[in-house]
Protein backbone atom coordinates (compact mmCIF):
# COMPACT_ATOMS: atom_id res chain seq x y z
CA MET A 1 276.17 63.16 -129.76
CA LYS A 2 272.85 64.74 -128.80
CA THR A 3 271.77 68.33 -129.36
CA VAL A 4 269.81 70.62 -127.05
CA LEU A 5 268.26 73.97 -127.97
CA ILE A 6 267.82 76.30 -124.98
CA THR A 7 265.95 79.60 -125.08
CA GLY A 8 266.91 82.61 -122.98
CA CYS A 9 270.62 81.90 -122.58
CA SER A 10 272.02 85.40 -122.10
CA SER A 11 271.98 85.01 -118.30
CA GLY A 12 270.51 83.12 -115.37
CA PHE A 13 269.06 79.65 -115.66
CA GLY A 14 269.46 79.45 -119.43
CA LEU A 15 273.13 80.35 -119.34
CA GLU A 16 273.82 77.92 -116.50
CA THR A 17 271.93 75.14 -118.29
CA ALA A 18 273.79 75.72 -121.54
CA GLN A 19 277.13 75.46 -119.71
CA TYR A 20 275.95 72.33 -117.87
CA PHE A 21 275.12 70.52 -121.12
CA LEU A 22 278.34 71.71 -122.79
CA ASP A 23 280.36 70.31 -119.90
CA ARG A 24 278.71 66.93 -120.52
CA ASP A 25 279.60 66.77 -124.20
CA TRP A 26 276.29 67.71 -125.76
CA ASN A 27 275.91 69.95 -128.77
CA VAL A 28 274.30 73.13 -127.45
CA ILE A 29 272.30 75.70 -129.38
CA ALA A 30 272.06 78.68 -127.06
CA THR A 31 269.50 81.24 -128.17
CA MET A 32 269.19 84.87 -127.10
CA ARG A 33 267.22 87.89 -128.26
CA THR A 34 270.55 89.69 -128.70
CA PRO A 35 273.27 87.09 -129.33
CA ARG A 36 276.45 87.43 -127.29
CA GLU A 37 279.48 85.29 -127.97
CA ASP A 38 281.22 86.25 -124.71
CA VAL A 39 278.88 84.67 -122.15
CA LEU A 40 279.88 81.07 -122.92
CA PRO A 41 283.32 79.62 -123.68
CA ARG A 42 284.04 79.00 -127.34
CA SER A 43 283.40 75.40 -128.34
CA ALA A 44 282.96 73.42 -131.53
CA ARG A 45 279.81 72.04 -129.89
CA LEU A 46 278.26 75.46 -129.23
CA ARG A 47 276.17 77.64 -131.53
CA VAL A 48 274.64 80.94 -130.47
CA LEU A 49 271.51 81.96 -132.40
CA ALA A 50 269.24 84.98 -132.31
CA LEU A 51 265.72 84.21 -131.12
CA ASP A 52 262.77 86.28 -129.98
CA VAL A 53 260.07 83.85 -128.86
CA THR A 54 257.38 86.49 -129.45
CA ASP A 55 258.28 86.78 -133.16
CA ALA A 56 257.06 84.02 -135.51
CA ASP A 57 259.69 84.79 -138.16
CA SER A 58 262.45 84.75 -135.56
CA ILE A 59 261.28 81.34 -134.32
CA ARG A 60 261.15 79.96 -137.86
CA ARG A 61 264.66 81.21 -138.67
CA ALA A 62 266.13 79.85 -135.45
CA VAL A 63 264.55 76.40 -135.80
CA GLU A 64 265.65 76.16 -139.43
CA ALA A 65 269.20 77.21 -138.55
CA ALA A 66 269.33 74.78 -135.64
CA GLY A 67 268.45 71.73 -137.70
CA PRO A 68 267.67 68.44 -135.94
CA ILE A 69 267.60 68.64 -132.14
CA ASP A 70 266.95 66.07 -129.46
CA VAL A 71 265.78 68.30 -126.62
CA LEU A 72 264.03 71.69 -126.50
CA VAL A 73 264.36 73.67 -123.26
CA ASN A 74 261.85 76.53 -123.08
CA ASN A 75 263.54 78.77 -120.54
CA ALA A 76 263.03 82.29 -121.92
CA GLY A 77 260.78 84.34 -119.70
CA VAL A 78 260.12 87.73 -118.15
CA GLY A 79 259.00 88.68 -114.67
CA MET A 80 256.36 91.02 -113.33
CA LEU A 81 255.72 92.13 -109.77
CA GLY A 82 252.75 94.16 -108.59
CA ALA A 83 249.16 94.29 -107.49
CA LEU A 84 246.66 93.41 -110.17
CA GLU A 85 244.70 96.61 -109.60
CA GLY A 86 247.68 98.67 -110.72
CA ALA A 87 248.86 96.40 -113.53
CA ALA A 88 248.73 97.76 -117.05
CA ILE A 89 246.90 95.23 -119.20
CA ASP A 90 249.41 95.84 -121.99
CA THR A 91 252.16 94.75 -119.60
CA ALA A 92 250.19 91.67 -118.59
CA ARG A 93 249.67 90.86 -122.25
CA ALA A 94 253.41 91.14 -122.89
CA ILE A 95 254.13 88.75 -120.00
CA PHE A 96 251.81 86.15 -121.51
CA GLU A 97 253.24 86.71 -125.01
CA THR A 98 256.71 85.73 -123.79
CA ASN A 99 256.09 83.27 -120.97
CA THR A 100 253.07 81.42 -122.31
CA ILE A 101 252.51 81.99 -126.02
CA GLY A 102 256.26 82.07 -126.69
CA THR A 103 256.68 78.68 -125.04
CA MET A 104 253.76 77.26 -127.02
CA ALA A 105 255.09 78.67 -130.29
CA MET A 106 258.60 77.27 -129.77
CA THR A 107 257.20 73.87 -128.86
CA GLN A 108 254.92 73.85 -131.87
CA ALA A 109 257.87 74.70 -134.13
CA VAL A 110 259.93 71.64 -133.14
CA LEU A 111 257.14 69.07 -132.78
CA PRO A 112 257.08 68.01 -136.45
CA GLN A 113 260.67 66.73 -136.30
CA PHE A 114 260.07 65.01 -132.95
CA ARG A 115 256.90 63.38 -134.22
CA GLN A 116 258.53 62.17 -137.44
CA ARG A 117 261.51 60.68 -135.60
CA LYS A 118 259.29 59.36 -132.79
CA ALA A 119 261.81 60.77 -130.32
CA GLY A 120 262.42 64.01 -128.49
CA VAL A 121 262.03 65.81 -125.17
CA VAL A 122 260.44 69.16 -124.34
CA VAL A 123 261.38 70.76 -121.01
CA ASN A 124 259.36 73.81 -119.96
CA VAL A 125 260.85 75.93 -117.18
CA THR A 126 258.05 77.55 -115.19
CA SER A 127 258.14 78.56 -111.50
CA SER A 128 257.47 77.33 -108.00
CA VAL A 129 255.15 80.33 -107.52
CA THR A 130 252.56 78.11 -109.18
CA LEU A 131 252.72 75.79 -106.17
CA LYS A 132 251.53 78.30 -103.56
CA PRO A 133 249.51 81.51 -103.91
CA LEU A 134 251.69 84.57 -103.31
CA PRO A 135 250.72 88.26 -103.28
CA LEU A 136 251.95 90.69 -105.94
CA LEU A 137 252.60 87.90 -108.42
CA SER A 138 249.15 87.22 -109.85
CA VAL A 139 249.93 88.01 -113.50
CA TYR A 140 253.32 86.29 -113.53
CA THR A 141 251.93 83.24 -111.73
CA ALA A 142 249.04 83.01 -114.17
CA SER A 143 251.41 83.03 -117.14
CA LYS A 144 253.46 80.19 -115.66
CA ALA A 145 250.47 78.19 -114.40
CA ALA A 146 249.11 78.26 -117.94
CA VAL A 147 252.34 76.65 -119.15
CA ASN A 148 252.01 73.94 -116.51
CA ALA A 149 248.47 73.18 -117.66
CA PHE A 150 249.16 73.09 -121.38
CA THR A 151 252.30 70.98 -120.82
CA GLU A 152 250.34 68.31 -118.97
CA SER A 153 247.76 68.14 -121.74
CA LEU A 154 250.46 68.17 -124.43
CA ALA A 155 252.16 65.18 -122.80
CA LEU A 156 249.04 63.11 -123.43
CA GLU A 157 248.96 64.16 -127.08
CA LEU A 158 252.60 63.16 -127.63
CA LEU A 159 252.61 59.77 -125.90
CA GLN A 160 251.78 58.06 -129.20
CA PHE A 161 254.94 59.55 -130.76
CA ASN A 162 257.31 58.61 -127.92
CA VAL A 163 257.94 62.30 -127.17
CA ARG A 164 258.39 63.21 -123.51
CA VAL A 165 257.37 66.51 -121.92
CA HIS A 166 258.49 67.80 -118.51
CA ILE A 167 258.10 70.86 -116.29
CA VAL A 168 260.95 72.26 -114.18
CA LEU A 169 259.81 74.54 -111.33
CA PRO A 170 262.58 76.76 -109.94
CA GLY A 171 262.27 78.75 -106.75
CA ARG A 172 263.47 82.26 -105.99
CA ALA A 173 266.98 82.88 -107.32
CA PRO A 174 268.53 86.10 -105.97
CA GLU A 175 271.87 85.32 -107.66
CA THR A 176 270.36 85.70 -111.14
CA ARG A 177 269.43 88.92 -112.94
CA PHE A 178 265.78 87.85 -113.25
CA GLY A 179 264.60 90.11 -110.44
CA ALA A 180 266.58 93.07 -111.72
CA ASN A 181 265.24 92.54 -115.22
CA ALA A 182 261.70 92.69 -113.84
CA GLN A 183 262.28 96.08 -112.18
CA ALA A 184 260.77 97.94 -115.13
CA ARG A 185 257.57 95.94 -114.70
CA ILE A 186 257.02 96.61 -110.97
CA GLN A 187 253.57 98.16 -110.68
CA ILE A 188 252.47 98.74 -107.07
CA PRO A 189 249.79 101.35 -106.37
CA GLU A 190 250.19 103.46 -103.25
CA GLU A 191 247.30 101.64 -101.60
CA TYR A 192 249.33 98.41 -101.72
CA ALA A 193 252.63 99.88 -100.48
CA GLY A 194 252.21 98.43 -96.99
CA LEU A 195 251.58 94.97 -98.36
CA ALA A 196 254.61 95.28 -100.61
CA GLN A 197 256.84 96.24 -97.68
CA ASP A 198 255.66 93.20 -95.75
CA VAL A 199 256.25 90.92 -98.74
CA PHE A 200 259.76 92.24 -99.38
CA ALA A 201 260.62 91.92 -95.67
CA GLU A 202 259.47 88.31 -95.66
CA TRP A 203 261.53 87.52 -98.76
CA SER A 204 264.63 89.04 -97.15
CA LYS A 205 264.33 86.55 -94.27
CA GLN A 206 264.23 83.47 -96.48
CA THR A 207 267.38 81.40 -96.39
CA GLU A 208 266.34 78.64 -98.79
CA VAL A 209 266.77 79.78 -102.39
CA THR A 210 267.39 78.32 -105.84
CA ARG A 211 270.77 78.36 -107.57
CA GLY A 212 271.29 78.22 -111.30
CA SER A 213 272.95 74.84 -110.89
CA ASP A 214 269.77 73.46 -109.30
CA VAL A 215 267.81 74.31 -112.41
CA ALA A 216 270.50 73.01 -114.77
CA GLU A 217 270.56 69.69 -112.91
CA ALA A 218 266.77 69.40 -113.04
CA VAL A 219 266.70 70.13 -116.78
CA TRP A 220 269.48 67.57 -117.33
CA ARG A 221 267.47 64.97 -115.44
CA ALA A 222 264.36 65.71 -117.48
CA ALA A 223 266.32 65.42 -120.71
CA ASN A 224 268.05 62.16 -119.85
CA ASP A 225 265.89 60.15 -117.45
CA PRO A 226 262.70 58.72 -119.00
CA ALA A 227 261.60 57.58 -115.54
CA CYS A 228 261.69 61.02 -113.94
CA PRO A 229 258.39 62.67 -112.96
CA MET A 230 256.69 65.17 -115.24
CA ARG A 231 257.14 67.95 -112.65
CA ILE A 232 260.58 68.50 -111.13
CA ALA A 233 261.10 71.10 -108.39
CA ALA A 234 264.49 72.82 -108.64
CA GLY A 235 266.05 74.46 -105.59
CA ALA A 236 265.64 73.97 -101.85
CA ASP A 237 262.75 76.43 -101.57
CA ALA A 238 260.96 74.93 -104.56
CA VAL A 239 261.37 71.42 -103.19
CA ALA A 240 259.94 72.53 -99.84
CA LEU A 241 256.89 74.01 -101.57
CA SER A 242 256.37 70.90 -103.69
CA GLU A 243 256.38 68.72 -100.58
CA MET A 244 253.57 70.81 -99.08
CA ASP A 245 251.14 69.71 -101.84
């Protein structure tokens, strides 16, 4: 029976992915900054661990407690919406600490066991915003585009050890709490208010969106299908953007 460790499982894509793997008889290590036992059904194949991907000691403790794993899913992330001119650099730095450096640090922590076993899969969940330039998302997009770039380079480093690396690119997911969680990091100067109104109006018209199940299915494919592409769009809107490349 294989084991997957998934970061950011308290809600959204991480929670849906954890349930998806549980339903298919995998051992699941669901990590959260503040562990909650009530978000997933009790199972002998489920462990919930505390993990803050911006804290080196927290990463070390979680990886040690997890023991051997077969797949790492780097899903933990935070959002940010706003014009660059009004963005606090400390906020931008925090976005990169979680989305980019946190993903690198988690990957680095599990690579020794993958390399030694000459087996393992890393799945990095980024975003379809990296496929098309969008206003008010420059900092967030940059943090996710950086993950795309380092993942592609990492894949070349790990070929010799039979370790696969994949990127899952979800689209906009109104049904998750991701947007609400980013509310505290909305930074739009008055001069950009008109642009923001236009952007929000355009988003409200969009009918193609991404569901949590779309992301879970894409992560499952990356974990189990050695022939799948490195980049996998997840969700109808994300697929449409990927086909425009």
